[in-house]
Amino acid sequence: KEMGCTSVSLWPGSDGWDYNFQVKYGQILDRFIEGCIAINKKASQENLIFGVEAKLHEPREGNIIISTTHKAALVALMVNQECGGTNMGVCVDYGHEQMYASEPADMLYTLKRVNVPLTNFHINNAKLHSNDEDRISGTGDNWRLADFCYAAIDTGYKGWFGEDQFTYRMEPVKAMALSRELFANIMKKALQIYANKEALAVAQSSGKAEATIDVVKEYLI
């Protein structure tokens, strides 16, 4: 609040399990929801949007308690039901979504449909079914990333696109700058596609993948 932020996010990286039978799943979920209710009430008093960030595993070797954005959305719905309103949402880390091969663009439309707000984005990348490598944004599947950017625009997201990137084997300032540059280039492509969204909608309504590729190829390739 003192820094002028509009949102606060929780990543429960140490909460979870490493082995089967290690925890009482229902009990730790109940406790997590109770904690989120308390945080959400305080955040609301401070006019801050509160969100939880999902991650499949790492540092936990089994699962982190909020392993997917789907589960994060369910928790947010329960917290909002208890507190009233829609102050709690989710923070989507693009790299974390790659860890379990979710389609990030589809996730944004799902969150909008169930009325769970987005509090923030982390744009760092990772390979599919891999660890949280904090790869430079724009160095992976850029069709997938552009689709995600398009979805953010199309669903009316008005917040920040942040970097949560630990580049252990690169000069960190340069790595962060590259992420910002490459992400901006992909976002520019998404904005160009969005400016031609009527043509894309016609192609999508045909049900033919080749028709949609014809529309977006000039911007992406």
C-alpha atoms as a PDB file:
ATOM      1  CA  LYS A   1       0.000   0.000   0.000  1.00  0.00           C
ATOM      2  CA  GLU A   2       2.820   2.417   0.908  1.00  0.00           C
ATOM      3  CA  MET A   3       4.464   1.715  -2.466  1.00  0.00           C
ATOM      4  CA  GLY A   4       1.325   2.681  -4.352  1.00  0.00           C
ATOM      5  CA  CYS A   5       0.434  -0.845  -5.444  1.00  0.00           C
ATOM      6  CA  THR A   6      -3.133  -1.722  -6.378  1.00  0.00           C
ATOM      7  CA  SER A   7      -2.887  -5.444  -5.700  1.00  0.00           C
ATOM      8  CA  VAL A   8      -1.149  -7.960  -3.458  1.00  0.00           C
ATOM      9  CA  SER A   9      -0.502 -11.600  -4.321  1.00  0.00           C
ATOM     10  CA  LEU A  10       0.334 -14.683  -2.275  1.00  0.00           C
ATOM     11  CA  TRP A  11       2.488 -17.509  -3.597  1.00  0.00           C
ATOM     12  CA  PRO A  12       2.318 -20.364  -1.044  1.00  0.00           C
ATOM     13  CA  GLY A  13       5.565 -21.970  -2.164  1.00  0.00           C
ATOM     14  CA  SER A  14       6.326 -23.743   1.108  1.00  0.00           C
ATOM     15  CA  ASP A  15       2.789 -25.020   1.648  1.00  0.00           C
ATOM     16  CA  GLY A  16       2.156 -28.498   0.295  1.00  0.00           C
ATOM     17  CA  TRP A  17       3.720 -31.944   0.482  1.00  0.00           C
ATOM     18  CA  ASP A  18       6.629 -34.022  -0.748  1.00  0.00           C
ATOM     19  CA  TYR A  19       5.218 -37.538  -0.219  1.00  0.00           C
ATOM     20  CA  ASN A  20       1.876 -39.281  -0.413  1.00  0.00           C
ATOM     21  CA  PHE A  21       0.111 -39.575   2.961  1.00  0.00           C
ATOM     22  CA  GLN A  22       2.302 -36.759   4.343  1.00  0.00           C
ATOM     23  CA  VAL A  23      -0.580 -34.350   4.980  1.00  0.00           C
ATOM     24  CA  LYS A  24      -4.315 -34.281   5.514  1.00  0.00           C
ATOM     25  CA  TYR A  25      -5.292 -32.698   2.206  1.00  0.00           C
ATOM     26  CA  GLY A  26      -8.674 -31.451   3.346  1.00  0.00           C
ATOM     27  CA  GLN A  27      -7.287 -30.014   6.567  1.00  0.00           C
ATOM     28  CA  ILE A  28      -4.498 -28.003   4.964  1.00  0.00           C
ATOM     29  CA  LEU A  29      -6.910 -26.731   2.313  1.00  0.00           C
ATOM     30  CA  ASP A  30      -9.328 -25.584   5.013  1.00  0.00           C
ATOM     31  CA  ARG A  31      -6.511 -23.778   6.795  1.00  0.00           C
ATOM     32  CA  PHE A  32      -5.348 -22.163   3.576  1.00  0.00           C
ATOM     33  CA  ILE A  33      -8.843 -20.904   2.791  1.00  0.00           C
ATOM     34  CA  GLU A  34      -9.175 -19.535   6.327  1.00  0.00           C
ATOM     35  CA  GLY A  35      -5.893 -17.673   5.874  1.00  0.00           C
ATOM     36  CA  CYS A  36      -7.002 -16.269   2.526  1.00  0.00           C
ATOM     37  CA  ILE A  37     -10.244 -15.039   4.069  1.00  0.00           C
ATOM     38  CA  ALA A  38      -8.255 -13.130   6.703  1.00  0.00           C
ATOM     39  CA  ILE A  39      -5.871 -11.660   4.124  1.00  0.00           C
ATOM     40  CA  ASN A  40      -8.702 -10.742   1.772  1.00  0.00           C
ATOM     41  CA  LYS A  41     -10.581  -8.889   4.490  1.00  0.00           C
ATOM     42  CA  LYS A  42      -7.482  -6.855   5.367  1.00  0.00           C
ATOM     43  CA  ALA A  43      -6.683  -6.225   1.693  1.00  0.00           C
ATOM     44  CA  SER A  44     -10.226  -4.996   1.101  1.00  0.00           C
ATOM     45  CA  GLN A  45      -9.865  -2.547   3.980  1.00  0.00           C
ATOM     46  CA  GLU A  46      -6.706  -1.197   2.322  1.00  0.00           C
ATOM     47  CA  ASN A  47      -8.366  -1.032  -1.128  1.00  0.00           C
ATOM     48  CA  LEU A  48      -6.011  -3.685  -2.456  1.00  0.00           C
ATOM     49  CA  ILE A  49      -7.065  -6.523  -4.742  1.00  0.00           C
ATOM     50  CA  PHE A  50      -5.829  -9.845  -3.359  1.00  0.00           C
ATOM     51  CA  GLY A  51      -4.778 -12.802  -5.468  1.00  0.00           C
ATOM     52  CA  VAL A  52      -3.141 -16.196  -5.089  1.00  0.00           C
ATOM     53  CA  GLU A  53      -0.526 -17.525  -7.500  1.00  0.00           C
ATOM     54  CA  ALA A  54      -0.543 -21.206  -8.443  1.00  0.00           C
ATOM     55  CA  LYS A  55       2.432 -23.439  -9.128  1.00  0.00           C
ATOM     56  CA  LEU A  56       2.543 -27.189  -9.670  1.00  0.00           C
ATOM     57  CA  HIS A  57       5.616 -27.959  -7.550  1.00  0.00           C
ATOM     58  CA  GLU A  58       9.087 -26.621  -6.686  1.00  0.00           C
ATOM     59  CA  PRO A  59      10.288 -26.167  -4.028  1.00  0.00           C
ATOM     60  CA  ARG A  60       7.790 -28.829  -2.909  1.00  0.00           C
ATOM     61  CA  GLU A  61       8.536 -32.120  -4.657  1.00  0.00           C
ATOM     62  CA  GLY A  62       4.964 -33.416  -4.494  1.00  0.00           C
ATOM     63  CA  ASN A  63       2.577 -30.542  -5.033  1.00  0.00           C
ATOM     64  CA  ILE A  64       2.283 -27.020  -3.755  1.00  0.00           C
ATOM     65  CA  ILE A  65      -1.110 -26.613  -2.078  1.00  0.00           C
ATOM     66  CA  ILE A  66      -2.395 -24.388  -4.908  1.00  0.00           C
ATOM     67  CA  SER A  67      -0.985 -26.429  -7.758  1.00  0.00           C
ATOM     68  CA  THR A  68      -3.030 -25.075 -10.666  1.00  0.00           C
ATOM     69  CA  THR A  69      -4.845 -21.880 -11.574  1.00  0.00           C
ATOM     70  CA  HIS A  70      -8.046 -23.930 -11.699  1.00  0.00           C
ATOM     71  CA  LYS A  71      -7.668 -24.685  -7.985  1.00  0.00           C
ATOM     72  CA  ALA A  72      -6.709 -21.067  -7.282  1.00  0.00           C
ATOM     73  CA  ALA A  73      -9.949 -19.957  -8.938  1.00  0.00           C
ATOM     74  CA  LEU A  74     -12.001 -22.355  -6.810  1.00  0.00           C
ATOM     75  CA  VAL A  75     -10.369 -21.019  -3.642  1.00  0.00           C
ATOM     76  CA  ALA A  76     -11.012 -17.435  -4.774  1.00  0.00           C
ATOM     77  CA  LEU A  77     -14.667 -18.248  -5.390  1.00  0.00           C
ATOM     78  CA  MET A  78     -15.043 -19.729  -1.907  1.00  0.00           C
ATOM     79  CA  VAL A  79     -13.266 -16.792  -0.262  1.00  0.00           C
ATOM     80  CA  ASN A  80     -15.364 -14.268  -2.169  1.00  0.00           C
ATOM     81  CA  GLN A  81     -18.523 -16.143  -1.208  1.00  0.00           C
ATOM     82  CA  GLU A  82     -17.522 -15.896   2.445  1.00  0.00           C
ATOM     83  CA  CYS A  83     -16.387 -12.257   2.299  1.00  0.00           C
ATOM     84  CA  GLY A  84     -18.870 -10.938  -0.249  1.00  0.00           C
ATOM     85  CA  GLY A  85     -17.829  -9.245  -3.481  1.00  0.00           C
ATOM     86  CA  THR A  86     -15.062 -10.288  -5.849  1.00  0.00           C
ATOM     87  CA  ASN A  87     -11.952  -8.840  -4.237  1.00  0.00           C
ATOM     88  CA  MET A  88      -9.960 -12.071  -4.348  1.00  0.00           C
ATOM     89  CA  GLY A  89      -8.643 -13.304  -7.659  1.00  0.00           C
ATOM     90  CA  VAL A  90      -5.586 -15.013  -9.089  1.00  0.00           C
ATOM     91  CA  CYS A  91      -2.153 -14.014 -10.286  1.00  0.00           C
ATOM     92  CA  VAL A  92      -1.244 -15.948 -13.433  1.00  0.00           C
ATOM     93  CA  ASP A  93       2.430 -16.824 -13.859  1.00  0.00           C
ATOM     94  CA  TYR A  94       2.863 -17.742 -17.533  1.00  0.00           C
ATOM     95  CA  GLY A  95       5.823 -20.020 -16.802  1.00  0.00           C
ATOM     96  CA  HIS A  96       3.935 -21.865 -14.079  1.00  0.00           C
ATOM     97  CA  GLU A  97       1.147 -22.598 -16.561  1.00  0.00           C
ATOM     98  CA  GLN A  98       3.685 -24.290 -18.855  1.00  0.00           C
ATOM     99  CA  MET A  99       4.707 -26.664 -16.057  1.00  0.00           C
ATOM    100  CA  TYR A 100       1.415 -28.556 -16.379  1.00  0.00           C
ATOM    101  CA  ALA A 101       0.783 -27.644 -20.033  1.00  0.00           C
ATOM    102  CA  SER A 102      -2.301 -25.552 -19.398  1.00  0.00           C
ATOM    103  CA  GLU A 103      -3.424 -23.303 -22.266  1.00  0.00           C
ATOM    104  CA  PRO A 104      -2.931 -19.836 -20.722  1.00  0.00           C
ATOM    105  CA  ALA A 105      -5.240 -18.064 -23.173  1.00  0.00           C
ATOM    106  CA  ASP A 106      -8.093 -20.460 -22.439  1.00  0.00           C
ATOM    107  CA  MET A 107      -7.533 -19.980 -18.714  1.00  0.00           C
ATOM    108  CA  LEU A 108      -8.155 -16.236 -18.990  1.00  0.00           C
ATOM    109  CA  TYR A 109     -11.554 -16.752 -20.616  1.00  0.00           C
ATOM    110  CA  THR A 110     -12.421 -19.365 -17.985  1.00  0.00           C
ATOM    111  CA  LEU A 111     -11.588 -16.957 -15.157  1.00  0.00           C
ATOM    112  CA  LYS A 112     -13.692 -14.262 -16.767  1.00  0.00           C
ATOM    113  CA  ARG A 113     -16.610 -16.664 -17.168  1.00  0.00           C
ATOM    114  CA  VAL A 114     -16.608 -17.656 -13.494  1.00  0.00           C
ATOM    115  CA  ASN A 115     -16.099 -14.029 -12.410  1.00  0.00           C
ATOM    116  CA  VAL A 116     -12.706 -14.468 -10.752  1.00  0.00           C
ATOM    117  CA  PRO A 117     -10.565 -11.351 -11.300  1.00  0.00           C
ATOM    118  CA  LEU A 118      -6.954 -11.302 -12.440  1.00  0.00           C
ATOM    119  CA  THR A 119      -4.672  -9.473 -10.031  1.00  0.00           C
ATOM    120  CA  ASN A 120      -1.400  -9.639 -11.970  1.00  0.00           C
ATOM    121  CA  PHE A 121       0.589 -11.478 -14.615  1.00  0.00           C
ATOM    122  CA  HIS A 122       4.138 -12.817 -14.548  1.00  0.00           C
ATOM    123  CA  ILE A 123       5.443 -13.103 -18.099  1.00  0.00           C
ATOM    124  CA  ASN A 124       8.584 -15.222 -17.620  1.00  0.00           C
ATOM    125  CA  ASN A 125       8.618 -18.422 -19.637  1.00  0.00           C
ATOM    126  CA  ALA A 126       9.283 -22.135 -19.098  1.00  0.00           C
ATOM    127  CA  LYS A 127       9.309 -25.240 -21.276  1.00  0.00           C
ATOM    128  CA  LEU A 128       6.233 -27.475 -21.305  1.00  0.00           C
ATOM    129  CA  HIS A 129       6.152 -30.127 -18.560  1.00  0.00           C
ATOM    130  CA  SER A 130       9.386 -28.765 -17.123  1.00  0.00           C
ATOM    131  CA  ASN A 131      10.399 -26.885 -13.998  1.00  0.00           C
ATOM    132  CA  ASP A 132      10.012 -23.202 -13.240  1.00  0.00           C
ATOM    133  CA  GLU A 133      13.056 -22.203 -15.264  1.00  0.00           C
ATOM    134  CA  ASP A 134      12.315 -18.464 -15.338  1.00  0.00           C
ATOM    135  CA  ARG A 135      13.256 -18.318 -18.996  1.00  0.00           C
ATOM    136  CA  ILE A 136      13.295 -15.011 -20.827  1.00  0.00           C
ATOM    137  CA  SER A 137       9.863 -14.097 -22.146  1.00  0.00           C
ATOM    138  CA  GLY A 138       9.460 -14.533 -25.881  1.00  0.00           C
ATOM    139  CA  THR A 139      11.998 -17.355 -26.240  1.00  0.00           C
ATOM    140  CA  GLY A 140       9.481 -20.197 -26.427  1.00  0.00           C
ATOM    141  CA  ASP A 141       6.299 -20.888 -28.381  1.00  0.00           C
ATOM    142  CA  ASN A 142       5.424 -17.359 -29.433  1.00  0.00           C
ATOM    143  CA  TRP A 143       2.149 -18.384 -31.091  1.00  0.00           C
ATOM    144  CA  ARG A 144       1.071 -19.581 -27.656  1.00  0.00           C
ATOM    145  CA  LEU A 145       2.326 -16.386 -25.982  1.00  0.00           C
ATOM    146  CA  ALA A 146       0.650 -14.146 -28.576  1.00  0.00           C
ATOM    147  CA  ASP A 147      -2.613 -16.043 -28.061  1.00  0.00           C
ATOM    148  CA  PHE A 148      -2.263 -15.401 -24.318  1.00  0.00           C
ATOM    149  CA  CYS A 149      -1.643 -11.681 -24.914  1.00  0.00           C
ATOM    150  CA  TYR A 150      -4.643 -11.531 -27.246  1.00  0.00           C
ATOM    151  CA  ALA A 151      -6.796 -13.179 -24.578  1.00  0.00           C
ATOM    152  CA  ALA A 152      -5.648 -10.648 -21.974  1.00  0.00           C
ATOM    153  CA  ILE A 153      -6.719  -7.820 -24.278  1.00  0.00           C
ATOM    154  CA  ASP A 154      -9.967  -9.485 -25.310  1.00  0.00           C
ATOM    155  CA  THR A 155     -11.037 -10.255 -21.737  1.00  0.00           C
ATOM    156  CA  GLY A 156     -10.470  -6.656 -20.662  1.00  0.00           C
ATOM    157  CA  TYR A 157      -7.432  -7.028 -18.410  1.00  0.00           C
ATOM    158  CA  LYS A 158      -6.251  -3.581 -17.262  1.00  0.00           C
ATOM    159  CA  GLY A 159      -3.446  -4.468 -14.862  1.00  0.00           C
ATOM    160  CA  TRP A 160       0.292  -4.949 -14.988  1.00  0.00           C
ATOM    161  CA  PHE A 161       2.419  -7.504 -16.813  1.00  0.00           C
ATOM    162  CA  GLY A 162       5.283  -8.178 -14.417  1.00  0.00           C
ATOM    163  CA  GLU A 163       8.517 -10.138 -14.362  1.00  0.00           C
ATOM    164  CA  ASP A 164       9.151 -12.719 -11.638  1.00  0.00           C
ATOM    165  CA  GLN A 165      12.378 -13.905 -13.162  1.00  0.00           C
ATOM    166  CA  PHE A 166      15.457 -15.348 -11.457  1.00  0.00           C
ATOM    167  CA  THR A 167      18.142 -15.771 -14.126  1.00  0.00           C
ATOM    168  CA  TYR A 168      20.795 -17.638 -12.178  1.00  0.00           C
ATOM    169  CA  ARG A 169      23.216 -18.148 -15.067  1.00  0.00           C
ATOM    170  CA  MET A 170      22.711 -14.828 -16.873  1.00  0.00           C
ATOM    171  CA  GLU A 171      23.435 -11.216 -16.086  1.00  0.00           C
ATOM    172  CA  PRO A 172      20.113 -10.404 -14.390  1.00  0.00           C
ATOM    173  CA  VAL A 173      19.559  -6.832 -15.567  1.00  0.00           C
ATOM    174  CA  LYS A 174      20.229  -7.789 -19.187  1.00  0.00           C
ATOM    175  CA  ALA A 175      17.967 -10.839 -18.915  1.00  0.00           C
ATOM    176  CA  MET A 176      15.126  -8.750 -17.492  1.00  0.00           C
ATOM    177  CA  ALA A 177      15.599  -6.148 -20.219  1.00  0.00           C
ATOM    178  CA  LEU A 178      15.425  -8.843 -22.895  1.00  0.00           C
ATOM    179  CA  SER A 179      12.191 -10.173 -21.406  1.00  0.00           C
ATOM    180  CA  ARG A 180      10.672  -6.724 -21.495  1.00  0.00           C
ATOM    181  CA  GLU A 181      11.780  -6.151 -25.090  1.00  0.00           C
ATOM    182  CA  LEU A 182      10.672  -9.508 -26.481  1.00  0.00           C
ATOM    183  CA  PHE A 183       7.383  -9.482 -24.582  1.00  0.00           C
ATOM    184  CA  ALA A 184       6.625  -6.009 -25.943  1.00  0.00           C
ATOM    185  CA  ASN A 185       7.207  -7.291 -29.472  1.00  0.00           C
ATOM    186  CA  ILE A 186       4.820 -10.208 -28.938  1.00  0.00           C
ATOM    187  CA  MET A 187       2.228  -7.925 -27.352  1.00  0.00           C
ATOM    188  CA  LYS A 188       2.505  -5.646 -30.387  1.00  0.00           C
ATOM    189  CA  LYS A 189       1.695  -8.625 -32.620  1.00  0.00           C
ATOM    190  CA  ALA A 190      -1.292  -9.499 -30.424  1.00  0.00           C
ATOM    191  CA  LEU A 191      -2.560  -5.919 -30.656  1.00  0.00           C
ATOM    192  CA  GLN A 192      -2.254  -6.057 -34.451  1.00  0.00           C
ATOM    193  CA  ILE A 193      -4.274  -9.268 -34.519  1.00  0.00           C
ATOM    194  CA  TYR A 194      -6.837  -7.715 -32.187  1.00  0.00           C
ATOM    195  CA  ALA A 195      -7.196  -4.770 -34.563  1.00  0.00           C
ATOM    196  CA  ASN A 196      -8.229  -7.370 -37.158  1.00  0.00           C
ATOM    197  CA  LYS A 197     -10.422  -9.362 -34.748  1.00  0.00           C
ATOM    198  CA  GLU A 198     -13.467  -9.318 -37.040  1.00  0.00           C
ATOM    199  CA  ALA A 199     -11.584 -11.271 -39.697  1.00  0.00           C
ATOM    200  CA  LEU A 200     -10.281 -13.640 -37.042  1.00  0.00           C
ATOM    201  CA  ALA A 201     -13.803 -14.187 -35.699  1.00  0.00           C
ATOM    202  CA  VAL A 202     -15.041 -15.105 -39.177  1.00  0.00           C
ATOM    203  CA  ALA A 203     -12.188 -17.576 -39.567  1.00  0.00           C
ATOM    204  CA  GLN A 204     -12.834 -19.065 -36.129  1.00  0.00           C
ATOM    205  CA  SER A 205     -16.534 -19.508 -36.884  1.00  0.00           C
ATOM    206  CA  SER A 206     -15.608 -21.672 -39.871  1.00  0.00           C
ATOM    207  CA  GLY A 207     -14.040 -24.224 -37.535  1.00  0.00           C
ATOM    208  CA  LYS A 208     -11.057 -24.509 -39.874  1.00  0.00           C
ATOM    209  CA  ALA A 209      -7.612 -24.116 -38.301  1.00  0.00           C
ATOM    210  CA  GLU A 210      -6.113 -23.235 -41.675  1.00  0.00           C
ATOM    211  CA  ALA A 211      -8.469 -20.262 -41.949  1.00  0.00           C
ATOM    212  CA  THR A 212      -7.362 -18.827 -38.609  1.00  0.00           C
ATOM    213  CA  ILE A 213      -3.699 -19.397 -39.434  1.00  0.00           C
ATOM    214  CA  ASP A 214      -4.194 -17.455 -42.663  1.00  0.00           C
ATOM    215  CA  VAL A 215      -5.434 -14.478 -40.633  1.00  0.00           C
ATOM    216  CA  VAL A 216      -2.698 -14.377 -37.992  1.00  0.00           C
ATOM    217  CA  LYS A 217       0.331 -15.584 -39.978  1.00  0.00           C
ATOM    218  CA  GLU A 218       1.233 -12.184 -41.403  1.00  0.00           C
ATOM    219  CA  TYR A 219       1.556 -10.776 -37.888  1.00  0.00           C
ATOM    220  CA  LEU A 220       3.352 -13.716 -36.282  1.00  0.00           C
ATOM    221  CA  ILE A 221       5.694 -14.857 -39.031  1.00  0.00           C
END
